[in-house]
Amino acid sequence: MHRYTCGEASLQALLELWDLPVDTNSWATAGYLGAIGSGNTTCGLLIGSSIGIGLRCGHGIQGTPEQNEDARQKAIQAVNELYNEFLTEFGSTDCKTLNKVDFREGEEISEWMIQKGWKQTCDVFLNFTMRKCLSMGKDGKL
């Protein structure tokens, strides 16, 4: 995870785990870091996982999601389940709230990096999202 942005980490892992095309799909989350530099938005791991779920549900299907309502509904339900369980487990989906750091403040970021704050937060969240996504795939929800 530590060489990718948050969104990239979850998407890259799911692309590999689900044997989905990497070349073009891996760019979908390239700009999502530290909740876009503010922390005041959704955890990037959820963003990347949501994209991965959509790609998995649409893999091998011709046309757009609205042309394939069953697969689209699977994706919607799976993303909803992931977000709701994440929220239940961690109390928030907001990056700043989860990490207790303002990614706009240089001193806070520096201290968070020195203390390796991601080990108690982002690493835990990544583990949760990957396990949940894999479980949903195994259970036929994707």
Protein backbone atom coordinates (compact mmCIF):
# COMPACT_ATOMS: atom_id res chain seq x y z
CA MET A 1 0.00 0.00 0.00
CA HIS A 2 2.76 2.45 0.82
CA ARG A 3 3.83 3.08 -2.76
CA TYR A 4 0.31 3.90 -3.94
CA THR A 5 -2.26 6.52 -3.06
CA CYS A 6 -5.11 5.21 -0.91
CA GLY A 7 -7.45 4.81 -3.86
CA GLU A 8 -4.73 3.19 -5.95
CA ALA A 9 -3.87 0.70 -3.20
CA SER A 10 -7.32 -0.82 -3.00
CA LEU A 11 -7.96 -0.73 -6.75
CA GLN A 12 -4.56 -2.24 -7.62
CA ALA A 13 -5.08 -5.04 -5.11
CA LEU A 14 -8.55 -5.87 -6.43
CA LEU A 15 -7.40 -5.76 -10.05
CA GLU A 16 -4.75 -8.32 -9.20
CA LEU A 17 -6.89 -10.47 -6.91
CA TRP A 18 -9.77 -10.60 -9.39
CA ASP A 19 -7.54 -10.93 -12.46
CA LEU A 20 -8.95 -7.79 -14.08
CA PRO A 21 -7.12 -5.75 -16.75
CA VAL A 22 -4.49 -3.53 -15.14
CA ASP A 23 -3.10 -1.37 -17.95
CA THR A 24 -5.90 1.15 -18.35
CA ASN A 25 -7.99 0.45 -15.25
CA SER A 26 -5.17 1.21 -12.81
CA TRP A 27 -5.31 4.90 -13.79
CA ALA A 28 -8.86 5.34 -12.45
CA THR A 29 -7.66 6.32 -8.96
CA ALA A 30 -4.29 7.92 -9.73
CA GLY A 31 -5.25 11.33 -8.34
CA TYR A 32 -6.98 10.30 -5.14
CA LEU A 33 -4.52 10.96 -2.28
CA GLY A 34 -5.28 12.01 1.28
CA ALA A 35 -8.91 12.51 0.32
CA ILE A 36 -7.74 14.85 -2.40
CA GLY A 37 -5.35 16.71 -0.16
CA SER A 38 -7.97 17.89 2.32
CA GLY A 39 -9.05 14.80 4.18
CA ASN A 40 -12.58 16.17 4.10
CA THR A 41 -14.04 13.51 1.88
CA THR A 42 -14.49 9.76 1.54
CA CYS A 43 -11.64 7.41 2.40
CA GLY A 44 -9.72 6.62 -0.78
CA LEU A 45 -9.76 2.92 0.00
CA LEU A 46 -13.53 2.98 -0.36
CA ILE A 47 -13.28 4.93 -3.61
CA GLY A 48 -10.77 2.48 -5.09
CA SER A 49 -12.75 -0.52 -3.87
CA SER A 50 -15.96 0.90 -5.34
CA ILE A 51 -14.26 1.24 -8.71
CA GLY A 52 -12.89 -2.30 -8.39
CA ILE A 53 -16.37 -3.64 -7.59
CA GLY A 54 -17.82 -1.89 -10.63
CA LEU A 55 -15.09 -3.27 -12.87
CA ARG A 56 -15.60 -6.77 -11.48
CA CYS A 57 -19.37 -6.66 -11.95
CA GLY A 58 -18.99 -5.38 -15.52
CA HIS A 59 -16.08 -7.58 -16.55
CA GLY A 60 -16.77 -9.31 -19.85
CA ILE A 61 -20.09 -7.53 -20.37
CA GLN A 62 -20.70 -5.53 -23.53
CA GLY A 63 -22.29 -2.10 -23.22
CA THR A 64 -22.74 0.37 -20.41
CA PRO A 65 -24.02 -0.29 -16.89
CA GLU A 66 -27.48 1.07 -17.69
CA GLN A 67 -27.69 -1.41 -20.55
CA ASN A 68 -26.97 -4.26 -18.10
CA GLU A 69 -29.25 -3.58 -15.16
CA ASP A 70 -28.65 -6.88 -13.31
CA ALA A 71 -24.87 -6.41 -13.18
CA ARG A 72 -25.33 -2.73 -12.34
CA GLN A 73 -27.61 -3.58 -9.41
CA LYS A 74 -25.06 -6.10 -8.13
CA ALA A 75 -22.43 -3.38 -8.13
CA ILE A 76 -24.73 -0.90 -6.40
CA GLN A 77 -25.68 -3.40 -3.70
CA ALA A 78 -22.08 -4.51 -3.13
CA VAL A 79 -20.76 -0.94 -2.82
CA ASN A 80 -23.62 -0.11 -0.46
CA GLU A 81 -22.80 -3.15 1.68
CA LEU A 82 -19.10 -2.26 1.76
CA TYR A 83 -19.77 1.35 2.82
CA ASN A 84 -22.34 0.41 5.45
CA GLU A 85 -20.12 -2.24 7.03
CA PHE A 86 -17.11 0.09 6.95
CA LEU A 87 -19.18 2.80 8.63
CA THR A 88 -20.39 0.35 11.27
CA GLU A 89 -16.86 -0.93 11.92
CA PHE A 90 -15.02 2.41 12.02
CA GLY A 91 -17.73 5.00 12.75
CA SER A 92 -17.03 7.15 9.69
CA THR A 93 -16.02 7.04 6.04
CA ASP A 94 -14.41 10.51 6.17
CA CYS A 95 -10.62 10.45 5.74
CA LYS A 96 -9.88 13.29 8.16
CA THR A 97 -12.10 11.81 10.86
CA LEU A 98 -10.64 8.34 10.42
CA ASN A 99 -7.00 9.45 10.45
CA LYS A 100 -7.32 12.32 12.93
CA VAL A 101 -5.05 14.41 10.72
CA ASP A 102 -5.71 17.44 8.53
CA PHE A 103 -3.98 16.69 5.23
CA ARG A 104 -3.86 20.43 4.48
CA GLU A 105 -1.62 21.06 7.49
CA GLY A 106 2.07 20.38 6.84
CA GLU A 107 3.00 19.91 10.50
CA GLU A 108 0.18 17.44 11.09
CA ILE A 109 1.10 15.46 7.98
CA SER A 110 4.78 15.43 8.95
CA GLU A 111 4.03 14.18 12.45
CA TRP A 112 1.61 11.56 11.07
CA MET A 113 4.32 10.38 8.65
CA ILE A 114 7.03 10.28 11.33
CA GLN A 115 4.74 8.31 13.64
CA LYS A 116 3.67 6.09 10.71
CA GLY A 117 0.06 6.89 11.52
CA TRP A 118 -1.16 4.84 8.58
CA LYS A 119 -0.26 1.64 10.46
CA GLN A 120 -3.10 2.21 12.93
CA THR A 121 -5.52 3.58 10.36
CA CYS A 122 -5.05 3.09 6.62
CA ASP A 123 -3.46 -0.36 6.92
CA VAL A 124 -6.36 -1.49 9.11
CA PHE A 125 -8.92 -0.01 6.71
CA LEU A 126 -7.23 -1.63 3.71
CA ASN A 127 -7.28 -5.01 5.41
CA PHE A 128 -10.99 -4.59 6.17
CA THR A 129 -11.95 -3.47 2.64
CA MET A 130 -9.97 -6.26 0.96
CA ARG A 131 -11.45 -8.94 3.21
CA LYS A 132 -14.95 -7.58 2.65
CA CYS A 133 -14.54 -7.40 -1.13
CA LEU A 134 -13.09 -10.89 -1.32
CA SER A 135 -15.87 -12.22 0.88
CA MET A 136 -18.54 -10.64 -1.33
CA GLY A 137 -16.87 -12.16 -4.40
CA LYS A 138 -16.73 -15.59 -2.78
CA ASP A 139 -20.38 -15.30 -1.72
CA GLY A 140 -21.47 -14.56 -5.32
CA LYS A 141 -22.45 -10.97 -4.56
CA LEU A 142 -20.18 -9.66 -7.33
